[in-house]
C-alpha cells in the first residue's frame, strides 16, 4: 500500500488551489485518504503549511449529547475545551495541537488553528446558535474543503435552514458542561440540524452556479473546494423555491418525513416504509408492540 508523505499531500492541496492566507473549513474522512506517514498529523501539518501562519484552519468538533434527563453516568461526563469530539480522527488531532482554540459553545463546538482562530472561537458562546461560528468565517471569505467521497455537506446548509426559519420537532437532548467560571451547567440542543444525507441534493446547484472552486485528488481519495459565501447564497435561494430540497430520498427517514413543519407527516405511509426497511431486524415481540398487540 502506498504511504503518502507530507510533501505529497501539500502538493495535492496546492493543486486544489489552497494558498497562503486561506480560511479553510475542513471535513475529512481519514480512512478515505489512505495511509499517511504520520497518520492524521501529516494531513494537519500539510494543511497548516499550505495556508501559512496568516491562514486559519477550522473544523467541526461537536461532542456527544444524551437523552434527557441524564442518568448517573452521563452526569459524570462534563464537556470542556479538551473533550474529545465525535467528528473523527482528524478533528481530534486538531484538538491536541498546542496552538488550537476551541469555541465556547458547550455542544456544537468548533476547533481552529491559525491567524483568526482565537477571535472566531471567542465569538461562539454558550448562548450562540449552534452554527453561528460559520457566519463569522463566511464574512472572512472562507472556503470549505471536503476530503473523502463519502463526506457530504459543505457546512452552510445548516445556516440556510436557520436563515429561512424552518421549524422542526426538537429532540430532548443535552449534556453537562463546565462554564468559564468553573460551574457545571446543563446545555440543551436548541437548533434544528437536519438529515445530512439530503445535503448532497445541492451539488448540481453548486456546479451550475460556480460555487465549486476545484475538484481533485488528495492521497487516494477525492476532494472538493467550495466558496462558502456562494454555497450559502445558493442554498437560501433554492430552499425558497423548494423548502424540501434538503430532505433525503429514504422513505423511512424519520427526520425528513416526520419532524419538520413542512414534512409529509403521513404516519401510515411512514410506518409502512419503516417496517419494510427494518422488518428483518425486528423481533416478533417488537413487531407486536409496534401495533400495540402487546405492551
C-alpha atoms as a PDB file:
ATOM      1  CA  UNK A   1       0.000   0.000   0.000  1.00  0.00           C
ATOM      2  CA  UNK A   2       1.306   3.454  -0.924  1.00  0.00           C
ATOM      3  CA  UNK A   3       2.274   5.650   2.024  1.00  0.00           C
ATOM      4  CA  UNK A   4       1.624   9.342   1.372  1.00  0.00           C
ATOM      5  CA  UNK A   5       4.162  11.854   2.631  1.00  0.00           C
ATOM      6  CA  UNK A   6       3.507  15.380   3.854  1.00  0.00           C
ATOM      7  CA  UNK A   7       5.223  16.696   0.721  1.00  0.00           C
ATOM      8  CA  UNK A   8       2.793  14.759  -1.482  1.00  0.00           C
ATOM      9  CA  UNK A   9      -0.249  15.960   0.477  1.00  0.00           C
ATOM     10  CA  UNK A  10       0.957  19.588   0.274  1.00  0.00           C
ATOM     11  CA  UNK A  11       1.297  19.168  -3.485  1.00  0.00           C
ATOM     12  CA  UNK A  12      -2.271  17.817  -3.697  1.00  0.00           C
ATOM     13  CA  UNK A  13      -3.589  20.733  -1.615  1.00  0.00           C
ATOM     14  CA  UNK A  14      -1.793  23.274  -3.777  1.00  0.00           C
ATOM     15  CA  UNK A  15      -3.178  21.619  -6.904  1.00  0.00           C
ATOM     16  CA  UNK A  16      -6.656  22.073  -5.431  1.00  0.00           C
ATOM     17  CA  UNK A  17      -5.958  25.786  -5.168  1.00  0.00           C
ATOM     18  CA  UNK A  18      -5.251  26.254  -1.451  1.00  0.00           C
ATOM     19  CA  UNK A  19      -2.892  29.136  -0.801  1.00  0.00           C
ATOM     20  CA  UNK A  20      -1.332  31.249   1.932  1.00  0.00           C
ATOM     21  CA  UNK A  21      -3.867  33.191   3.979  1.00  0.00           C
ATOM     22  CA  UNK A  22      -6.853  30.960   3.175  1.00  0.00           C
ATOM     23  CA  UNK A  23      -9.512  30.383   5.805  1.00  0.00           C
ATOM     24  CA  UNK A  24     -10.498  26.742   5.376  1.00  0.00           C
ATOM     25  CA  UNK A  25     -13.410  24.888   6.970  1.00  0.00           C
ATOM     26  CA  UNK A  26     -12.444  21.241   6.553  1.00  0.00           C
ATOM     27  CA  UNK A  27     -14.408  17.987   6.642  1.00  0.00           C
ATOM     28  CA  UNK A  28     -12.341  14.849   6.216  1.00  0.00           C
ATOM     29  CA  UNK A  29     -12.560  11.069   6.209  1.00  0.00           C
ATOM     30  CA  UNK A  30      -9.107   9.852   7.199  1.00  0.00           C
ATOM     31  CA  UNK A  31      -9.968   6.304   6.151  1.00  0.00           C
ATOM     32  CA  UNK A  32     -10.594   7.551   2.604  1.00  0.00           C
ATOM     33  CA  UNK A  33      -7.306   9.438   2.365  1.00  0.00           C
ATOM     34  CA  UNK A  34      -5.190   6.314   2.726  1.00  0.00           C
ATOM     35  CA  UNK A  35      -2.060   5.599   4.745  1.00  0.00           C
ATOM     36  CA  UNK A  36      -0.083   8.711   5.737  1.00  0.00           C
ATOM     37  CA  UNK A  37       3.480   8.676   7.029  1.00  0.00           C
ATOM     38  CA  UNK A  38       2.445  10.072  10.428  1.00  0.00           C
ATOM     39  CA  UNK A  39      -1.289   9.486  10.338  1.00  0.00           C
ATOM     40  CA  UNK A  40      -3.702  12.386  10.787  1.00  0.00           C
ATOM     41  CA  UNK A  41      -0.836  14.665  11.872  1.00  0.00           C
ATOM     42  CA  UNK A  42       0.583  14.500   8.350  1.00  0.00           C
ATOM     43  CA  UNK A  43      -2.613  15.952   6.899  1.00  0.00           C
ATOM     44  CA  UNK A  44      -2.879  18.554   9.657  1.00  0.00           C
ATOM     45  CA  UNK A  45       0.683  19.778   9.213  1.00  0.00           C
ATOM     46  CA  UNK A  46       0.274  19.778   5.424  1.00  0.00           C
ATOM     47  CA  UNK A  47      -2.833  21.961   5.674  1.00  0.00           C
ATOM     48  CA  UNK A  48      -1.211  24.378   8.116  1.00  0.00           C
ATOM     49  CA  UNK A  49       1.922  24.721   5.981  1.00  0.00           C
ATOM     50  CA  UNK A  50      -0.135  25.257   2.835  1.00  0.00           C
ATOM     51  CA  UNK A  51      -2.257  28.100   4.270  1.00  0.00           C
ATOM     52  CA  UNK A  52       0.620  29.512   6.327  1.00  0.00           C
ATOM     53  CA  UNK A  53       0.575  31.462   9.579  1.00  0.00           C
ATOM     54  CA  UNK A  54      -1.690  34.073   8.015  1.00  0.00           C
ATOM     55  CA  UNK A  55      -4.293  31.396   7.221  1.00  0.00           C
ATOM     56  CA  UNK A  56      -6.808  29.708   9.528  1.00  0.00           C
ATOM     57  CA  UNK A  57      -7.993  26.111   9.714  1.00  0.00           C
ATOM     58  CA  UNK A  58     -11.459  25.420  11.172  1.00  0.00           C
ATOM     59  CA  UNK A  59     -13.300  22.153  11.762  1.00  0.00           C
ATOM     60  CA  UNK A  60     -16.475  20.902  13.421  1.00  0.00           C
ATOM     61  CA  UNK A  61     -15.575  19.367  16.790  1.00  0.00           C
ATOM     62  CA  UNK A  62     -19.020  18.594  18.199  1.00  0.00           C
ATOM     63  CA  UNK A  63     -19.388  16.487  21.337  1.00  0.00           C
ATOM     64  CA  UNK A  64     -21.866  13.767  22.268  1.00  0.00           C
ATOM     65  CA  UNK A  65     -25.289  14.582  23.680  1.00  0.00           C
ATOM     66  CA  UNK A  66     -27.608  12.339  25.673  1.00  0.00           C
ATOM     67  CA  UNK A  67     -31.358  11.880  26.136  1.00  0.00           C
ATOM     68  CA  UNK A  68     -32.713  13.988  28.992  1.00  0.00           C
ATOM     69  CA  UNK A  69     -32.945  13.529  31.896  1.00  0.00           C
ATOM     70  CA  UNK A  70     -29.334  12.385  32.218  1.00  0.00           C
ATOM     71  CA  UNK A  71     -28.544   9.150  34.011  1.00  0.00           C
ATOM     72  CA  UNK A  72     -25.906   8.910  36.758  1.00  0.00           C
ATOM     73  CA  UNK A  73     -23.041   8.017  34.373  1.00  0.00           C
ATOM     74  CA  UNK A  74     -23.920  10.762  31.899  1.00  0.00           C
ATOM     75  CA  UNK A  75     -23.844  13.302  34.724  1.00  0.00           C
ATOM     76  CA  UNK A  76     -20.161  12.470  35.183  1.00  0.00           C
ATOM     77  CA  UNK A  77     -19.363  13.322  31.543  1.00  0.00           C
ATOM     78  CA  UNK A  78     -18.727  17.075  31.678  1.00  0.00           C
ATOM     79  CA  UNK A  79     -17.624  18.843  28.498  1.00  0.00           C
ATOM     80  CA  UNK A  80     -14.715  21.298  28.368  1.00  0.00           C
ATOM     81  CA  UNK A  81     -12.175  22.503  25.783  1.00  0.00           C
ATOM     82  CA  UNK A  82     -10.339  19.160  25.768  1.00  0.00           C
ATOM     83  CA  UNK A  83     -13.377  16.882  25.469  1.00  0.00           C
ATOM     84  CA  UNK A  84     -12.878  14.505  22.508  1.00  0.00           C
ATOM     85  CA  UNK A  85     -15.122  15.129  19.517  1.00  0.00           C
ATOM     86  CA  UNK A  86     -17.418  12.695  17.756  1.00  0.00           C
ATOM     87  CA  UNK A  87     -16.403  14.248  14.419  1.00  0.00           C
ATOM     88  CA  UNK A  88     -13.495  11.907  13.678  1.00  0.00           C
ATOM     89  CA  UNK A  89      -9.763  11.241  13.923  1.00  0.00           C
ATOM     90  CA  UNK A  90      -8.593  14.383  12.140  1.00  0.00           C
ATOM     91  CA  UNK A  91     -10.615  16.721  14.353  1.00  0.00           C
ATOM     92  CA  UNK A  92      -9.243  15.095  17.493  1.00  0.00           C
ATOM     93  CA  UNK A  93      -5.740  15.576  16.093  1.00  0.00           C
ATOM     94  CA  UNK A  94      -6.524  19.294  15.819  1.00  0.00           C
ATOM     95  CA  UNK A  95      -7.762  19.338  19.432  1.00  0.00           C
ATOM     96  CA  UNK A  96      -4.349  18.017  20.569  1.00  0.00           C
ATOM     97  CA  UNK A  97      -2.454  20.750  18.714  1.00  0.00           C
ATOM     98  CA  UNK A  98      -0.705  23.202  21.105  1.00  0.00           C
ATOM     99  CA  UNK A  99      -1.975  26.257  19.158  1.00  0.00           C
ATOM    100  CA  UNK A 100      -5.600  25.205  18.890  1.00  0.00           C
ATOM    101  CA  UNK A 101      -8.590  27.211  20.117  1.00  0.00           C
ATOM    102  CA  UNK A 102     -11.979  25.651  20.856  1.00  0.00           C
ATOM    103  CA  UNK A 103     -15.236  27.569  20.697  1.00  0.00           C
ATOM    104  CA  UNK A 104     -17.097  28.005  23.994  1.00  0.00           C
ATOM    105  CA  UNK A 105     -20.385  26.599  22.790  1.00  0.00           C
ATOM    106  CA  UNK A 106     -20.987  23.635  25.127  1.00  0.00           C
ATOM    107  CA  UNK A 107     -22.078  21.157  22.425  1.00  0.00           C
ATOM    108  CA  UNK A 108     -21.684  22.412  18.844  1.00  0.00           C
ATOM    109  CA  UNK A 109     -18.024  23.143  19.372  1.00  0.00           C
ATOM    110  CA  UNK A 110     -15.584  24.128  16.636  1.00  0.00           C
ATOM    111  CA  UNK A 111     -11.797  23.884  16.752  1.00  0.00           C
ATOM    112  CA  UNK A 112      -9.497  26.309  14.958  1.00  0.00           C
ATOM    113  CA  UNK A 113      -5.769  26.903  14.428  1.00  0.00           C
ATOM    114  CA  UNK A 114      -4.201  29.953  12.839  1.00  0.00           C
ATOM    115  CA  UNK A 115      -4.451  33.696  12.399  1.00  0.00           C
ATOM    116  CA  UNK A 116      -8.165  34.188  13.201  1.00  0.00           C
ATOM    117  CA  UNK A 117      -8.589  31.117  15.409  1.00  0.00           C
ATOM    118  CA  UNK A 118      -8.811  32.852  18.772  1.00  0.00           C
ATOM    119  CA  UNK A 119     -11.093  35.622  17.508  1.00  0.00           C
ATOM    120  CA  UNK A 120     -13.682  33.416  15.814  1.00  0.00           C
ATOM    121  CA  UNK A 121     -13.781  30.860  18.650  1.00  0.00           C
ATOM    122  CA  UNK A 122     -14.217  33.585  21.281  1.00  0.00           C
ATOM    123  CA  UNK A 123     -17.382  34.731  19.491  1.00  0.00           C
ATOM    124  CA  UNK A 124     -19.077  31.305  19.652  1.00  0.00           C
ATOM    125  CA  UNK A 125     -20.558  31.261  23.154  1.00  0.00           C
ATOM    126  CA  UNK A 126     -22.999  29.082  25.142  1.00  0.00           C
ATOM    127  CA  UNK A 127     -25.925  31.274  24.060  1.00  0.00           C
ATOM    128  CA  UNK A 128     -24.848  31.361  20.387  1.00  0.00           C
ATOM    129  CA  UNK A 129     -26.633  29.410  17.693  1.00  0.00           C
ATOM    130  CA  UNK A 130     -25.075  26.024  17.055  1.00  0.00           C
ATOM    131  CA  UNK A 131     -23.634  27.045  13.681  1.00  0.00           C
ATOM    132  CA  UNK A 132     -23.174  30.799  14.236  1.00  0.00           C
ATOM    133  CA  UNK A 133     -19.382  30.471  14.039  1.00  0.00           C
ATOM    134  CA  UNK A 134     -19.722  29.653  10.341  1.00  0.00           C
ATOM    135  CA  UNK A 135     -21.403  33.035   9.740  1.00  0.00           C
ATOM    136  CA  UNK A 136     -18.294  34.729  11.071  1.00  0.00           C
ATOM    137  CA  UNK A 137     -15.857  32.858   8.861  1.00  0.00           C
ATOM    138  CA  UNK A 138     -18.080  33.341   5.790  1.00  0.00           C
ATOM    139  CA  UNK A 139     -17.679  37.075   6.309  1.00  0.00           C
ATOM    140  CA  UNK A 140     -13.920  36.443   6.090  1.00  0.00           C
ATOM    141  CA  UNK A 141     -14.300  34.829   2.616  1.00  0.00           C
ATOM    142  CA  UNK A 142     -13.803  31.266   3.820  1.00  0.00           C
ATOM    143  CA  UNK A 143     -13.710  28.108   1.752  1.00  0.00           C
ATOM    144  CA  UNK A 144     -14.952  24.623   2.579  1.00  0.00           C
ATOM    145  CA  UNK A 145     -12.727  21.625   1.870  1.00  0.00           C
ATOM    146  CA  UNK A 146     -14.358  18.200   1.730  1.00  0.00           C
ATOM    147  CA  UNK A 147     -11.893  15.299   1.704  1.00  0.00           C
ATOM    148  CA  UNK A 148     -13.369  11.864   1.053  1.00  0.00           C
ATOM    149  CA  UNK A 149     -16.006  10.579  -1.343  1.00  0.00           C
ATOM    150  CA  UNK A 150     -18.473   9.898   1.469  1.00  0.00           C
ATOM    151  CA  UNK A 151     -18.096  13.322   3.103  1.00  0.00           C
ATOM    152  CA  UNK A 152     -21.297  15.236   2.341  1.00  0.00           C
ATOM    153  CA  UNK A 153     -22.378  18.764   3.116  1.00  0.00           C
ATOM    154  CA  UNK A 154     -20.324  21.955   2.961  1.00  0.00           C
ATOM    155  CA  UNK A 155     -21.353  23.379   6.340  1.00  0.00           C
ATOM    156  CA  UNK A 156     -23.533  26.207   5.077  1.00  0.00           C
ATOM    157  CA  UNK A 157     -26.781  24.240   4.669  1.00  0.00           C
ATOM    158  CA  UNK A 158     -27.436  24.460   8.406  1.00  0.00           C
ATOM    159  CA  UNK A 159     -27.123  28.247   8.170  1.00  0.00           C
ATOM    160  CA  UNK A 160     -29.554  28.378   5.248  1.00  0.00           C
ATOM    161  CA  UNK A 161     -32.107  26.328   7.204  1.00  0.00           C
ATOM    162  CA  UNK A 162     -31.781  28.665  10.181  1.00  0.00           C
ATOM    163  CA  UNK A 163     -31.911  31.789   7.982  1.00  0.00           C
ATOM    164  CA  UNK A 164     -35.231  30.687   6.471  1.00  0.00           C
ATOM    165  CA  UNK A 165     -36.572  29.902   9.958  1.00  0.00           C
ATOM    166  CA  UNK A 166     -37.670  26.365   9.156  1.00  0.00           C
ATOM    167  CA  UNK A 167     -39.133  24.645  12.209  1.00  0.00           C
ATOM    168  CA  UNK A 168     -38.949  21.055  13.380  1.00  0.00           C
ATOM    169  CA  UNK A 169     -39.791  18.926  16.389  1.00  0.00           C
ATOM    170  CA  UNK A 170     -36.955  19.392  18.855  1.00  0.00           C
ATOM    171  CA  UNK A 171     -35.144  16.405  20.305  1.00  0.00           C
ATOM    172  CA  UNK A 172     -34.858  16.274  24.092  1.00  0.00           C
ATOM    173  CA  UNK A 173     -31.067  16.014  24.196  1.00  0.00           C
ATOM    174  CA  UNK A 174     -28.270  17.690  26.099  1.00  0.00           C
ATOM    175  CA  UNK A 175     -25.225  17.299  28.325  1.00  0.00           C
ATOM    176  CA  UNK A 176     -23.389  18.955  31.205  1.00  0.00           C
ATOM    177  CA  UNK A 177     -20.510  21.345  30.616  1.00  0.00           C
ATOM    178  CA  UNK A 178     -18.080  23.411  32.656  1.00  0.00           C
ATOM    179  CA  UNK A 179     -18.510  27.189  32.343  1.00  0.00           C
ATOM    180  CA  UNK A 180     -15.670  29.729  32.224  1.00  0.00           C
ATOM    181  CA  UNK A 181     -16.228  30.296  35.959  1.00  0.00           C
ATOM    182  CA  UNK A 182     -15.920  26.583  36.690  1.00  0.00           C
ATOM    183  CA  UNK A 183     -19.634  25.982  37.343  1.00  0.00           C
ATOM    184  CA  UNK A 184     -21.397  22.893  35.977  1.00  0.00           C
ATOM    185  CA  UNK A 185     -24.459  23.657  33.865  1.00  0.00           C
ATOM    186  CA  UNK A 186     -26.813  21.788  31.524  1.00  0.00           C
ATOM    187  CA  UNK A 187     -26.844  22.613  27.817  1.00  0.00           C
ATOM    188  CA  UNK A 188     -29.782  21.519  25.669  1.00  0.00           C
ATOM    189  CA  UNK A 189     -29.960  21.048  21.917  1.00  0.00           C
ATOM    190  CA  UNK A 190     -31.916  24.076  20.689  1.00  0.00           C
ATOM    191  CA  UNK A 191     -31.078  24.228  16.991  1.00  0.00           C
ATOM    192  CA  UNK A 192     -32.558  22.428  14.014  1.00  0.00           C
ATOM    193  CA  UNK A 193     -29.783  20.368  12.487  1.00  0.00           C
ATOM    194  CA  UNK A 194     -31.089  18.118   9.727  1.00  0.00           C
ATOM    195  CA  UNK A 195     -30.531  14.870   7.860  1.00  0.00           C
ATOM    196  CA  UNK A 196     -27.146  15.282   6.182  1.00  0.00           C
ATOM    197  CA  UNK A 197     -27.993  12.562   3.642  1.00  0.00           C
ATOM    198  CA  UNK A 198     -30.135  15.135   1.845  1.00  0.00           C
ATOM    199  CA  UNK A 199     -27.443  17.800   1.640  1.00  0.00           C
ATOM    200  CA  UNK A 200     -25.946  16.138  -1.443  1.00  0.00           C
ATOM    201  CA  UNK A 201     -29.026  17.390  -3.342  1.00  0.00           C
ATOM    202  CA  UNK A 202     -27.403  20.814  -3.559  1.00  0.00           C
ATOM    203  CA  UNK A 203     -24.323  19.656  -5.503  1.00  0.00           C
ATOM    204  CA  UNK A 204     -25.797  20.258  -9.002  1.00  0.00           C
ATOM    205  CA  UNK A 205     -26.777  23.783  -7.944  1.00  0.00           C
ATOM    206  CA  UNK A 206     -23.243  24.461  -6.704  1.00  0.00           C
ATOM    207  CA  UNK A 207     -21.930  23.220 -10.049  1.00  0.00           C
ATOM    208  CA  UNK A 208     -24.318  25.295 -12.142  1.00  0.00           C
ATOM    209  CA  UNK A 209     -23.686  28.475 -10.153  1.00  0.00           C
ATOM    210  CA  UNK A 210     -19.894  28.218  -9.953  1.00  0.00           C
ATOM    211  CA  UNK A 211     -19.654  27.738  -6.194  1.00  0.00           C
ATOM    212  CA  UNK A 212     -17.198  24.864  -6.696  1.00  0.00           C
ATOM    213  CA  UNK A 213     -13.674  26.258  -6.859  1.00  0.00           C
ATOM    214  CA  UNK A 214     -11.950  22.995  -7.720  1.00  0.00           C
ATOM    215  CA  UNK A 215     -12.001  19.210  -7.541  1.00  0.00           C
ATOM    216  CA  UNK A 216      -9.057  16.868  -7.346  1.00  0.00           C
ATOM    217  CA  UNK A 217      -7.184  14.073  -5.652  1.00  0.00           C
ATOM    218  CA  UNK A 218      -5.873  14.096  -2.113  1.00  0.00           C
ATOM    219  CA  UNK A 219      -3.988  10.954  -1.248  1.00  0.00           C
ATOM    220  CA  UNK A 220      -6.080   8.171  -2.697  1.00  0.00           C
ATOM    221  CA  UNK A 221      -9.448   9.943  -2.402  1.00  0.00           C
ATOM    222  CA  UNK A 222     -11.387  12.828  -3.919  1.00  0.00           C
ATOM    223  CA  UNK A 223     -11.517  16.378  -2.570  1.00  0.00           C
ATOM    224  CA  UNK A 224     -13.737  19.339  -3.393  1.00  0.00           C
ATOM    225  CA  UNK A 225     -13.125  23.003  -2.560  1.00  0.00           C
ATOM    226  CA  UNK A 226     -16.127  25.361  -2.414  1.00  0.00           C
ATOM    227  CA  UNK A 227     -16.793  29.051  -1.784  1.00  0.00           C
ATOM    228  CA  UNK A 228     -18.836  29.165   1.445  1.00  0.00           C
ATOM    229  CA  UNK A 229     -20.466  32.523   0.739  1.00  0.00           C
ATOM    230  CA  UNK A 230     -21.676  31.280  -2.640  1.00  0.00           C
ATOM    231  CA  UNK A 231     -22.938  27.919  -1.354  1.00  0.00           C
ATOM    232  CA  UNK A 232     -24.961  29.690   1.345  1.00  0.00           C
ATOM    233  CA  UNK A 233     -26.498  32.111  -1.164  1.00  0.00           C
ATOM    234  CA  UNK A 234     -27.399  29.221  -3.477  1.00  0.00           C
ATOM    235  CA  UNK A 235     -28.938  27.162  -0.665  1.00  0.00           C
ATOM    236  CA  UNK A 236     -31.091  30.052   0.554  1.00  0.00           C
ATOM    237  CA  UNK A 237     -32.385  30.750  -2.954  1.00  0.00           C
ATOM    238  CA  UNK A 238     -33.110  27.107  -3.802  1.00  0.00           C
ATOM    239  CA  UNK A 239     -34.767  26.415  -0.447  1.00  0.00           C
ATOM    240  CA  UNK A 240     -37.062  29.394  -1.022  1.00  0.00           C
ATOM    241  CA  UNK A 241     -38.107  27.690  -4.266  1.00  0.00           C
ATOM    242  CA  UNK A 242     -38.260  24.187  -2.758  1.00  0.00           C
ATOM    243  CA  UNK A 243     -38.207  24.002   1.076  1.00  0.00           C
ATOM    244  CA  UNK A 244     -37.904  20.207   0.923  1.00  0.00           C
ATOM    245  CA  UNK A 245     -34.734  20.202  -1.163  1.00  0.00           C
ATOM    246  CA  UNK A 246     -32.613  19.195   1.848  1.00  0.00           C
ATOM    247  CA  UNK A 247     -34.774  16.125   2.568  1.00  0.00           C
ATOM    248  CA  UNK A 248     -33.172  12.777   1.742  1.00  0.00           C
ATOM    249  CA  UNK A 249     -34.701  10.126  -0.533  1.00  0.00           C
ATOM    250  CA  UNK A 250     -35.093   7.476   2.178  1.00  0.00           C
ATOM    251  CA  UNK A 251     -38.863   6.905   2.658  1.00  0.00           C
ATOM    252  CA  UNK A 252     -38.141   5.574   6.163  1.00  0.00           C
ATOM    253  CA  UNK A 253     -36.163   8.619   7.330  1.00  0.00           C
ATOM    254  CA  UNK A 254     -37.964   9.883  10.426  1.00  0.00           C
ATOM    255  CA  UNK A 255     -36.154  13.223  10.400  1.00  0.00           C
ATOM    256  CA  UNK A 256     -37.157  14.141   6.846  1.00  0.00           C
ATOM    257  CA  UNK A 257     -40.584  12.527   6.703  1.00  0.00           C
ATOM    258  CA  UNK A 258     -41.969  13.364  10.136  1.00  0.00           C
ATOM    259  CA  UNK A 259     -40.178  16.067  12.133  1.00  0.00           C
ATOM    260  CA  UNK A 260     -40.307  19.293  10.102  1.00  0.00           C
ATOM    261  CA  UNK A 261     -43.293  21.623   9.829  1.00  0.00           C
ATOM    262  CA  UNK A 262     -43.219  21.041   6.072  1.00  0.00           C
ATOM    263  CA  UNK A 263     -42.567  17.272   6.320  1.00  0.00           C
ATOM    264  CA  UNK A 264     -45.044  14.913   4.710  1.00  0.00           C
ATOM    265  CA  UNK A 265     -46.205  13.577   8.121  1.00  0.00           C
ATOM    266  CA  UNK A 266     -48.146  10.652   6.667  1.00  0.00           C
ATOM    267  CA  UNK A 267     -47.904   8.297   9.654  1.00  0.00           C
ATOM    268  CA  UNK A 268     -49.354   5.263   7.873  1.00  0.00           C
ATOM    269  CA  UNK A 269     -47.104   5.618   4.848  1.00  0.00           C
ATOM    270  CA  UNK A 270     -44.040   6.295   7.007  1.00  0.00           C
ATOM    271  CA  UNK A 271     -44.844   3.362   9.309  1.00  0.00           C
ATOM    272  CA  UNK A 272     -45.200   1.008   6.365  1.00  0.00           C
ATOM    273  CA  UNK A 273     -41.875   2.128   4.848  1.00  0.00           C
ATOM    274  CA  UNK A 274     -40.119   1.920   8.214  1.00  0.00           C
ATOM    275  CA  UNK A 275     -41.371  -1.621   8.811  1.00  0.00           C
ATOM    276  CA  UNK A 276     -40.425  -2.703   5.300  1.00  0.00           C
ATOM    277  CA  UNK A 277     -36.879  -1.450   5.843  1.00  0.00           C
ATOM    278  CA  UNK A 278     -36.427  -2.787   9.369  1.00  0.00           C
ATOM    279  CA  UNK A 279     -38.630  -5.909   9.416  1.00  0.00           C
ATOM    280  CA  UNK A 280     -35.751  -8.392   9.156  1.00  0.00           C
ATOM    281  CA  UNK A 281     -34.044  -6.885  12.205  1.00  0.00           C
ATOM    282  CA  UNK A 282     -37.116  -6.813  14.441  1.00  0.00           C
ATOM    283  CA  UNK A 283     -38.106  -9.468  16.918  1.00  0.00           C
ATOM    284  CA  UNK A 284     -41.651 -10.850  16.773  1.00  0.00           C
ATOM    285  CA  UNK A 285     -42.406  -9.251  20.154  1.00  0.00           C
ATOM    286  CA  UNK A 286     -41.164  -5.875  18.896  1.00  0.00           C
ATOM    287  CA  UNK A 287     -43.419  -6.101  15.823  1.00  0.00           C
ATOM    288  CA  UNK A 288     -46.406  -6.882  18.032  1.00  0.00           C
ATOM    289  CA  UNK A 289     -45.582  -3.984  20.330  1.00  0.00           C
ATOM    290  CA  UNK A 290     -45.459  -1.580  17.381  1.00  0.00           C
ATOM    291  CA  UNK A 291     -49.044  -2.491  16.607  1.00  0.00           C
ATOM    292  CA  UNK A 292     -49.853  -2.353  20.332  1.00  0.00           C
ATOM    293  CA  UNK A 293     -50.833  -6.015  20.459  1.00  0.00           C
ATOM    294  CA  UNK A 294     -48.598  -6.460  23.478  1.00  0.00           C
ATOM    295  CA  UNK A 295     -47.182  -3.887  25.887  1.00  0.00           C
END
